[in-house]
Amino acid sequence: MNLDALLQTAIEAANAGSAELVKRFRGELKIQTKTSIADYVTDADLASETAVRDVLKRLRPNDAVTGEEYDATEGTDAAYRWSIDPLDGTVNFARGLPNFAVSVAALDLATDQWVVGVVIAPALGDTFLATRGSGAFRIRDGKREAISGPPVEREARILATGFSYSAETRRAEFQKLTELMPDYVDVRRFGSAALDICHVAEGTIDAYYQVDIKEHDWAGAMLIAEEAGLEVKRPTADDEQAWAKLPA
């Protein structure tokens, strides 16, 4: 499979999801909670994921698909599995804050490698994208630029992070932050893991760390960070920590 063609599929799918979000942003929403009072799902999440899946079904009908809101589809003789976050930063979106994104990523089932990643932040006007082995890019104001992470010589470094919906996990996360902060002068929490990681990839933030993050949050952004030259750790079943930073 030509990865450029696969990337175009991911871009079209993510744009379709983004269009659904733009139509509903700062409008009246139907909001439900999932695991906690802070864990939202809105009609915008559902409309975005439906739009993304519709594009994938049309262009890649045999592939498997997993998303945040709907059941997985196994596909038929699938070559790839798509991982969708239709609205990363749902709380931001529901409160009218612009830090939210659609993430679409493709996993090569033969190699178990993430090969395409797209993260679109429609309210910020940014699109981040990568294909394995071809570098990472940001599109802003119609201009496509290669991105390569934060400058090595920067001394006043800023860490991005996020927090679990579980109070017990949050306590452990705050404890871990006290261990990390001597290497950083400040911390940012923007409310979208995918965007946090992409901000490290573009160099506006210096590192990202989080515990208890789901695949659909990191699948696209971690590939973008990796292709930007960063050292990346994806969470595993045995170790839920995730980070992206300059190589040691």
Protein backbone atom coordinates (compact mmCIF):
# COMPACT_ATOMS: atom_id res chain seq x y z
CA MET A 1 0.00 0.00 0.00
CA ASN A 2 1.24 3.47 -0.91
CA LEU A 3 1.44 5.35 2.40
CA ASP A 4 0.78 8.66 0.65
CA ALA A 5 -2.61 7.32 -0.45
CA LEU A 6 -3.26 6.04 3.04
CA LEU A 7 -2.37 9.47 4.42
CA GLN A 8 -4.83 11.15 2.06
CA THR A 9 -7.52 8.80 3.34
CA ALA A 10 -6.67 9.77 6.92
CA ILE A 11 -6.75 13.49 6.06
CA GLU A 12 -10.11 13.19 4.30
CA ALA A 13 -11.55 11.23 7.22
CA ALA A 14 -10.23 13.64 9.85
CA ASN A 15 -11.49 16.63 7.86
CA ALA A 16 -14.95 15.07 7.69
CA GLY A 17 -14.95 14.68 11.47
CA SER A 18 -13.64 18.21 11.95
CA ALA A 19 -16.44 19.63 9.81
CA GLU A 20 -18.99 18.09 12.17
CA LEU A 21 -17.26 19.66 15.15
CA VAL A 22 -17.07 23.10 13.55
CA LYS A 23 -20.81 23.04 12.87
CA ARG A 24 -21.53 22.39 16.56
CA PHE A 25 -18.77 24.35 18.32
CA ARG A 26 -20.18 26.84 20.83
CA GLY A 27 -23.69 25.72 19.94
CA GLU A 28 -26.23 23.78 21.95
CA LEU A 29 -24.99 20.28 22.77
CA LYS A 30 -26.50 17.08 24.07
CA ILE A 31 -24.09 15.95 26.79
CA GLN A 32 -23.88 12.63 28.60
CA THR A 33 -21.29 11.39 31.09
CA LYS A 34 -19.38 8.10 30.90
CA THR A 35 -16.98 7.03 33.66
CA SER A 36 -17.26 10.19 35.77
CA ILE A 37 -18.88 13.63 35.87
CA ALA A 38 -15.84 15.00 34.01
CA ASP A 39 -15.85 12.29 31.32
CA TYR A 40 -18.20 13.66 28.69
CA VAL A 41 -19.60 12.40 25.43
CA THR A 42 -21.60 14.79 23.27
CA ASP A 43 -23.62 14.55 20.09
CA ALA A 44 -20.61 16.24 18.45
CA ASP A 45 -18.35 13.30 19.40
CA LEU A 46 -20.83 10.88 17.87
CA ALA A 47 -21.37 12.90 14.69
CA SER A 48 -17.63 13.30 14.18
CA GLU A 49 -16.89 9.60 14.62
CA THR A 50 -19.72 8.68 12.27
CA ALA A 51 -18.31 11.03 9.62
CA VAL A 52 -14.80 9.60 10.01
CA ARG A 53 -16.07 6.03 9.80
CA ASP A 54 -18.15 6.83 6.72
CA VAL A 55 -15.04 8.00 4.86
CA LEU A 56 -13.06 4.94 5.95
CA LYS A 57 -15.90 2.62 4.96
CA ARG A 58 -16.03 4.22 1.52
CA LEU A 59 -12.29 4.33 0.84
CA ARG A 60 -10.99 1.39 2.91
CA PRO A 61 -13.97 -0.96 3.29
CA ASN A 62 -11.93 -4.04 4.23
CA ASP A 63 -9.93 -2.45 7.03
CA ALA A 64 -10.59 -2.82 10.75
CA VAL A 65 -11.69 0.26 12.71
CA THR A 66 -11.60 1.07 16.41
CA GLY A 67 -12.90 4.33 17.84
CA GLU A 68 -13.62 5.97 21.15
CA GLU A 69 -17.40 6.00 20.94
CA TYR A 70 -18.57 3.09 18.77
CA ASP A 71 -17.87 -0.64 18.67
CA ALA A 72 -14.89 -1.95 16.75
CA THR A 73 -15.28 -3.42 13.27
CA GLU A 74 -12.92 -6.25 12.37
CA GLY A 75 -12.94 -5.78 8.60
CA THR A 76 -12.43 -8.47 5.96
CA ASP A 77 -8.85 -9.59 5.31
CA ALA A 78 -7.83 -6.28 6.88
CA ALA A 79 -4.39 -4.91 6.07
CA TYR A 80 -4.73 -1.98 8.48
CA ARG A 81 -6.58 -1.06 11.65
CA TRP A 82 -7.71 2.53 12.03
CA SER A 83 -7.80 4.17 15.45
CA ILE A 84 -10.13 7.16 15.78
CA ASP A 85 -10.54 9.83 18.41
CA PRO A 86 -13.41 11.91 17.01
CA LEU A 87 -13.09 14.64 19.63
CA ASP A 88 -10.03 14.73 21.84
CA GLY A 89 -10.68 17.48 24.36
CA THR A 90 -14.42 17.01 24.75
CA VAL A 91 -14.57 19.03 27.98
CA ASN A 92 -12.81 21.94 26.23
CA PHE A 93 -15.23 21.67 23.31
CA ALA A 94 -18.27 21.62 25.58
CA ARG A 95 -17.06 24.72 27.41
CA GLY A 96 -16.22 26.66 24.26
CA LEU A 97 -12.44 26.32 24.57
CA PRO A 98 -10.57 25.89 21.25
CA ASN A 99 -8.09 23.18 22.29
CA PHE A 100 -9.71 20.10 20.79
CA ALA A 101 -8.87 17.84 17.88
CA VAL A 102 -9.78 14.91 15.67
CA SER A 103 -7.19 12.13 15.50
CA VAL A 104 -7.02 9.40 12.85
CA ALA A 105 -4.22 6.83 12.69
CA ALA A 106 -3.52 3.61 10.80
CA LEU A 107 -1.75 0.54 12.17
CA ASP A 108 -0.12 -1.88 9.72
CA LEU A 109 -1.37 -5.25 10.96
CA ALA A 110 1.43 -7.15 9.24
CA THR A 111 4.20 -5.26 11.04
CA ASP A 112 2.29 -3.97 14.11
CA GLN A 113 3.60 -0.47 13.35
CA TRP A 114 1.70 2.79 13.23
CA VAL A 115 2.25 4.08 9.71
CA VAL A 116 -0.04 7.11 9.29
CA GLY A 117 -1.18 9.75 11.75
CA VAL A 118 -3.29 12.88 11.34
CA VAL A 119 -4.40 15.29 14.07
CA ILE A 120 -6.60 18.24 13.09
CA ALA A 121 -7.38 21.10 15.49
CA PRO A 122 -10.07 22.99 13.54
CA ALA A 123 -10.57 25.86 16.00
CA LEU A 124 -6.81 26.51 16.04
CA GLY A 125 -6.39 26.12 12.29
CA ASP A 126 -3.71 23.45 12.58
CA THR A 127 -3.28 20.09 10.89
CA PHE A 128 -0.46 17.77 11.98
CA LEU A 129 0.44 14.72 9.92
CA ALA A 130 3.05 12.03 9.43
CA THR A 131 3.75 8.82 7.56
CA ARG A 132 6.31 6.37 8.85
CA GLY A 133 9.77 7.13 7.50
CA SER A 134 8.79 10.41 5.82
CA GLY A 135 8.94 13.02 8.59
CA ALA A 136 6.28 15.07 10.33
CA PHE A 137 4.50 18.20 9.12
CA ARG A 138 2.17 20.96 10.22
CA ILE A 139 -0.26 22.74 7.90
CA ARG A 140 -1.25 26.24 8.99
CA ASP A 141 -2.81 28.97 6.83
CA GLY A 142 -2.44 26.67 3.84
CA LYS A 143 1.33 26.38 4.33
CA ARG A 144 2.88 22.95 4.93
CA GLU A 145 6.04 22.97 7.04
CA ALA A 146 8.27 20.20 8.35
CA ILE A 147 8.43 20.07 12.14
CA SER A 148 11.34 18.72 14.16
CA GLY A 149 10.62 19.14 17.86
CA PRO A 150 11.88 21.67 20.40
CA PRO A 151 15.34 23.26 20.07
CA VAL A 152 18.05 21.31 21.83
CA GLU A 153 19.64 24.48 23.25
CA ARG A 154 16.49 25.71 25.02
CA GLU A 155 17.07 25.82 28.77
CA ALA A 156 13.74 26.98 30.23
CA ARG A 157 11.79 23.86 29.33
CA ILE A 158 8.04 23.38 29.72
CA LEU A 159 6.32 20.05 30.33
CA ALA A 160 2.81 19.19 29.14
CA THR A 161 0.64 16.63 30.87
CA GLY A 162 -2.91 15.51 31.52
CA PHE A 163 -4.75 13.82 34.36
CA SER A 164 -6.88 10.73 34.77
CA TYR A 165 -10.59 10.74 35.54
CA SER A 166 -9.72 8.48 38.50
CA ALA A 167 -8.94 10.39 41.72
CA GLU A 168 -6.58 7.64 42.87
CA THR A 169 -4.63 7.75 39.60
CA ARG A 170 -4.49 11.55 39.75
CA ARG A 171 -2.77 11.37 43.13
CA ALA A 172 -0.07 9.16 41.63
CA GLU A 173 0.24 11.51 38.64
CA PHE A 174 0.77 14.53 40.88
CA GLN A 175 3.44 12.60 42.78
CA LYS A 176 5.20 11.77 39.52
CA LEU A 177 5.10 15.44 38.53
CA THR A 178 7.05 16.36 41.66
CA GLU A 179 9.79 13.99 40.45
CA LEU A 180 9.81 15.40 36.92
CA MET A 181 9.55 19.13 37.60
CA PRO A 182 13.19 19.77 38.63
CA ASP A 183 13.99 19.38 34.90
CA TYR A 184 11.31 21.88 33.84
CA VAL A 185 10.43 25.47 34.75
CA ASP A 186 6.69 25.13 34.25
CA VAL A 187 3.88 22.76 33.29
CA ARG A 188 0.96 23.11 30.86
CA ARG A 189 -2.30 21.17 30.79
CA PHE A 190 -4.30 22.08 27.66
CA GLY A 191 -6.89 19.33 27.87
CA SER A 192 -6.13 17.37 24.70
CA ALA A 193 -3.44 14.69 24.82
CA ALA A 194 -3.21 14.51 21.02
CA LEU A 195 -2.59 18.26 20.79
CA ASP A 196 -0.14 18.24 23.71
CA ILE A 197 1.97 15.67 21.88
CA CYS A 198 1.74 17.58 18.61
CA HIS A 199 2.85 20.76 20.39
CA VAL A 200 6.00 18.90 21.44
CA ALA A 201 6.44 17.71 17.85
CA GLU A 202 6.28 21.30 16.59
CA GLY A 203 8.58 22.53 19.38
CA THR A 204 6.28 24.91 21.25
CA ILE A 205 6.30 22.56 24.26
CA ASP A 206 9.42 20.64 25.31
CA ALA A 207 8.07 17.32 26.59
CA TYR A 208 4.87 15.45 27.30
CA TYR A 209 4.14 12.92 30.06
CA GLN A 210 0.93 11.19 31.09
CA VAL A 211 -0.39 8.07 32.78
CA ASP A 212 -3.65 6.31 31.95
CA ILE A 213 -4.00 7.49 28.35
CA LYS A 214 -5.99 5.57 25.75
CA GLU A 215 -4.78 4.41 22.33
CA HIS A 216 -7.15 6.65 20.39
CA ASP A 217 -5.65 9.66 22.21
CA TRP A 218 -2.03 8.92 21.30
CA ALA A 219 -2.10 6.78 18.13
CA GLY A 220 -1.79 9.57 15.58
CA ALA A 221 0.13 12.09 17.67
CA MET A 222 2.83 9.69 18.84
CA LEU A 223 3.73 8.83 15.24
CA ILE A 224 3.87 12.54 14.44
CA ALA A 225 6.20 13.12 17.41
CA GLU A 226 8.35 10.14 16.47
CA GLU A 227 8.67 11.34 12.89
CA ALA A 228 9.61 14.79 14.22
CA GLY A 229 12.68 13.16 15.78
CA LEU A 230 11.48 12.81 19.34
CA GLU A 231 11.98 9.92 21.68
CA VAL A 232 8.56 8.38 22.23
CA LYS A 233 7.20 5.85 24.68
CA ARG A 234 3.76 4.46 24.03
CA PRO A 235 1.90 2.98 27.00
CA THR A 236 1.64 -0.79 27.28
CA ALA A 237 -0.51 -3.16 29.30
CA ASP A 238 2.32 -3.48 31.82
CA ASP A 239 3.33 0.18 31.92
CA GLU A 240 0.70 2.87 31.40
CA GLN A 241 3.19 5.76 31.22
CA ALA A 242 3.48 7.67 27.96
CA TRP A 243 5.93 10.39 27.03
CA ALA A 244 7.45 12.27 24.11
CA LYS A 245 10.64 14.28 24.46
CA LEU A 246 14.02 15.04 22.93
CA PRO A 247 16.33 12.03 22.79
CA ALA A 248 18.53 11.77 25.86
